[in-house]
Amino acid sequence: MFLPVLQTVLQNGTPKIPYTFQRNGVYYLRVRIPKIIRENTHPPPIIRQSLQTKSSTIAITLVNKLNVRYQS
């Protein structure tokens, strides 16, 4: 029951950082834009931006500085 969750967290030995993914070891931020904002300003539905780091601790710091709200 808990095995898939544990595998995603411990797969690389690095913690899972919300709203991020890794490509070639570099962390990227991925944020979905709410529909009401997209209707008025026409940005893409998902914004992806490189955090330009391979360090998980630096990536956590950068995500916290951006004040990304965690949704449950």
C-alpha atoms as a PDB file:
ATOM      1  CA  MET A   1       0.000   0.000   0.000  1.00  0.00           C
ATOM      2  CA  PHE A   2       2.769   2.507   0.861  1.00  0.00           C
ATOM      3  CA  LEU A   3       5.378   1.032  -1.459  1.00  0.00           C
ATOM      4  CA  PRO A   4       4.760   3.266  -4.536  1.00  0.00           C
ATOM      5  CA  VAL A   5       4.937   6.421  -2.402  1.00  0.00           C
ATOM      6  CA  LEU A   6       8.181   5.333  -0.764  1.00  0.00           C
ATOM      7  CA  GLN A   7       9.685   4.451  -4.126  1.00  0.00           C
ATOM      8  CA  THR A   8       9.008   7.902  -5.572  1.00  0.00           C
ATOM      9  CA  VAL A   9      10.635   9.622  -2.601  1.00  0.00           C
ATOM     10  CA  LEU A  10      13.620   7.306  -2.230  1.00  0.00           C
ATOM     11  CA  GLN A  11      14.200   6.423  -5.878  1.00  0.00           C
ATOM     12  CA  ASN A  12      17.130   8.809  -6.422  1.00  0.00           C
ATOM     13  CA  GLY A  13      17.998   9.266  -2.774  1.00  0.00           C
ATOM     14  CA  THR A  14      16.818  12.888  -3.038  1.00  0.00           C
ATOM     15  CA  PRO A  15      13.620  14.289  -1.532  1.00  0.00           C
ATOM     16  CA  LYS A  16      10.615  15.051  -3.720  1.00  0.00           C
ATOM     17  CA  ILE A  17      10.252  18.826  -4.018  1.00  0.00           C
ATOM     18  CA  PRO A  18       6.724  20.029  -4.813  1.00  0.00           C
ATOM     19  CA  TYR A  19       6.229  21.733  -8.202  1.00  0.00           C
ATOM     20  CA  THR A  20       9.627  20.607  -9.490  1.00  0.00           C
ATOM     21  CA  PHE A  21      10.998  17.963 -11.801  1.00  0.00           C
ATOM     22  CA  GLN A  22      14.484  17.027 -12.932  1.00  0.00           C
ATOM     23  CA  ARG A  23      15.864  16.888 -16.445  1.00  0.00           C
ATOM     24  CA  ASN A  24      19.483  15.734 -16.828  1.00  0.00           C
ATOM     25  CA  GLY A  25      19.970  16.359 -13.109  1.00  0.00           C
ATOM     26  CA  VAL A  26      18.881  20.021 -13.282  1.00  0.00           C
ATOM     27  CA  TYR A  27      15.798  21.060 -11.286  1.00  0.00           C
ATOM     28  CA  TYR A  28      12.925  22.802 -13.078  1.00  0.00           C
ATOM     29  CA  LEU A  29       9.911  24.564 -11.597  1.00  0.00           C
ATOM     30  CA  ARG A  30       6.496  23.723 -13.061  1.00  0.00           C
ATOM     31  CA  VAL A  31       3.473  25.878 -12.161  1.00  0.00           C
ATOM     32  CA  ARG A  32      -0.053  25.596 -13.543  1.00  0.00           C
ATOM     33  CA  ILE A  33      -1.743  28.934 -14.259  1.00  0.00           C
ATOM     34  CA  PRO A  34      -5.365  29.178 -13.001  1.00  0.00           C
ATOM     35  CA  LYS A  35      -8.018  29.251 -15.715  1.00  0.00           C
ATOM     36  CA  ILE A  36      -9.405  32.640 -14.703  1.00  0.00           C
ATOM     37  CA  ILE A  37      -5.986  34.240 -15.241  1.00  0.00           C
ATOM     38  CA  ARG A  38      -5.458  32.429 -18.539  1.00  0.00           C
ATOM     39  CA  GLU A  39      -8.813  33.686 -19.871  1.00  0.00           C
ATOM     40  CA  ASN A  40      -7.821  37.328 -19.389  1.00  0.00           C
ATOM     41  CA  THR A  41      -4.086  37.323 -20.153  1.00  0.00           C
ATOM     42  CA  HIS A  42      -3.590  34.294 -22.476  1.00  0.00           C
ATOM     43  CA  PRO A  43      -0.356  32.813 -21.027  1.00  0.00           C
ATOM     44  CA  PRO A  44       0.432  29.117 -21.522  1.00  0.00           C
ATOM     45  CA  PRO A  45      -1.442  26.765 -19.158  1.00  0.00           C
ATOM     46  CA  ILE A  46       1.786  25.535 -17.548  1.00  0.00           C
ATOM     47  CA  ILE A  47       4.944  27.563 -16.985  1.00  0.00           C
ATOM     48  CA  ARG A  48       8.243  25.681 -16.762  1.00  0.00           C
ATOM     49  CA  GLN A  49      11.405  27.461 -15.646  1.00  0.00           C
ATOM     50  CA  SER A  50      14.872  26.142 -14.929  1.00  0.00           C
ATOM     51  CA  LEU A  51      16.135  26.657 -11.383  1.00  0.00           C
ATOM     52  CA  GLN A  52      19.670  26.279 -12.817  1.00  0.00           C
ATOM     53  CA  THR A  53      20.873  23.965 -10.063  1.00  0.00           C
ATOM     54  CA  LYS A  54      21.519  20.279  -9.534  1.00  0.00           C
ATOM     55  CA  SER A  55      21.447  20.621  -5.739  1.00  0.00           C
ATOM     56  CA  SER A  56      18.227  19.609  -3.990  1.00  0.00           C
ATOM     57  CA  THR A  57      18.891  21.946  -1.042  1.00  0.00           C
ATOM     58  CA  ILE A  58      19.318  24.963  -3.332  1.00  0.00           C
ATOM     59  CA  ALA A  59      16.193  23.968  -5.278  1.00  0.00           C
ATOM     60  CA  ILE A  60      14.175  23.786  -2.033  1.00  0.00           C
ATOM     61  CA  THR A  61      15.461  27.245  -1.050  1.00  0.00           C
ATOM     62  CA  LEU A  62      14.540  28.734  -4.433  1.00  0.00           C
ATOM     63  CA  VAL A  63      11.038  27.225  -4.401  1.00  0.00           C
ATOM     64  CA  ASN A  64      10.479  28.556  -0.865  1.00  0.00           C
ATOM     65  CA  LYS A  65      11.644  32.037  -1.922  1.00  0.00           C
ATOM     66  CA  LEU A  66       9.128  32.024  -4.760  1.00  0.00           C
ATOM     67  CA  ASN A  67       6.413  31.417  -2.167  1.00  0.00           C
ATOM     68  CA  VAL A  68       4.683  28.711  -4.211  1.00  0.00           C
ATOM     69  CA  ARG A  69       1.523  27.701  -2.377  1.00  0.00           C
ATOM     70  CA  TYR A  70       1.128  24.021  -1.684  1.00  0.00           C
ATOM     71  CA  GLN A  71      -2.238  22.602  -2.667  1.00  0.00           C
ATOM     72  CA  SER A  72      -3.635  19.575  -0.888  1.00  0.00           C
END
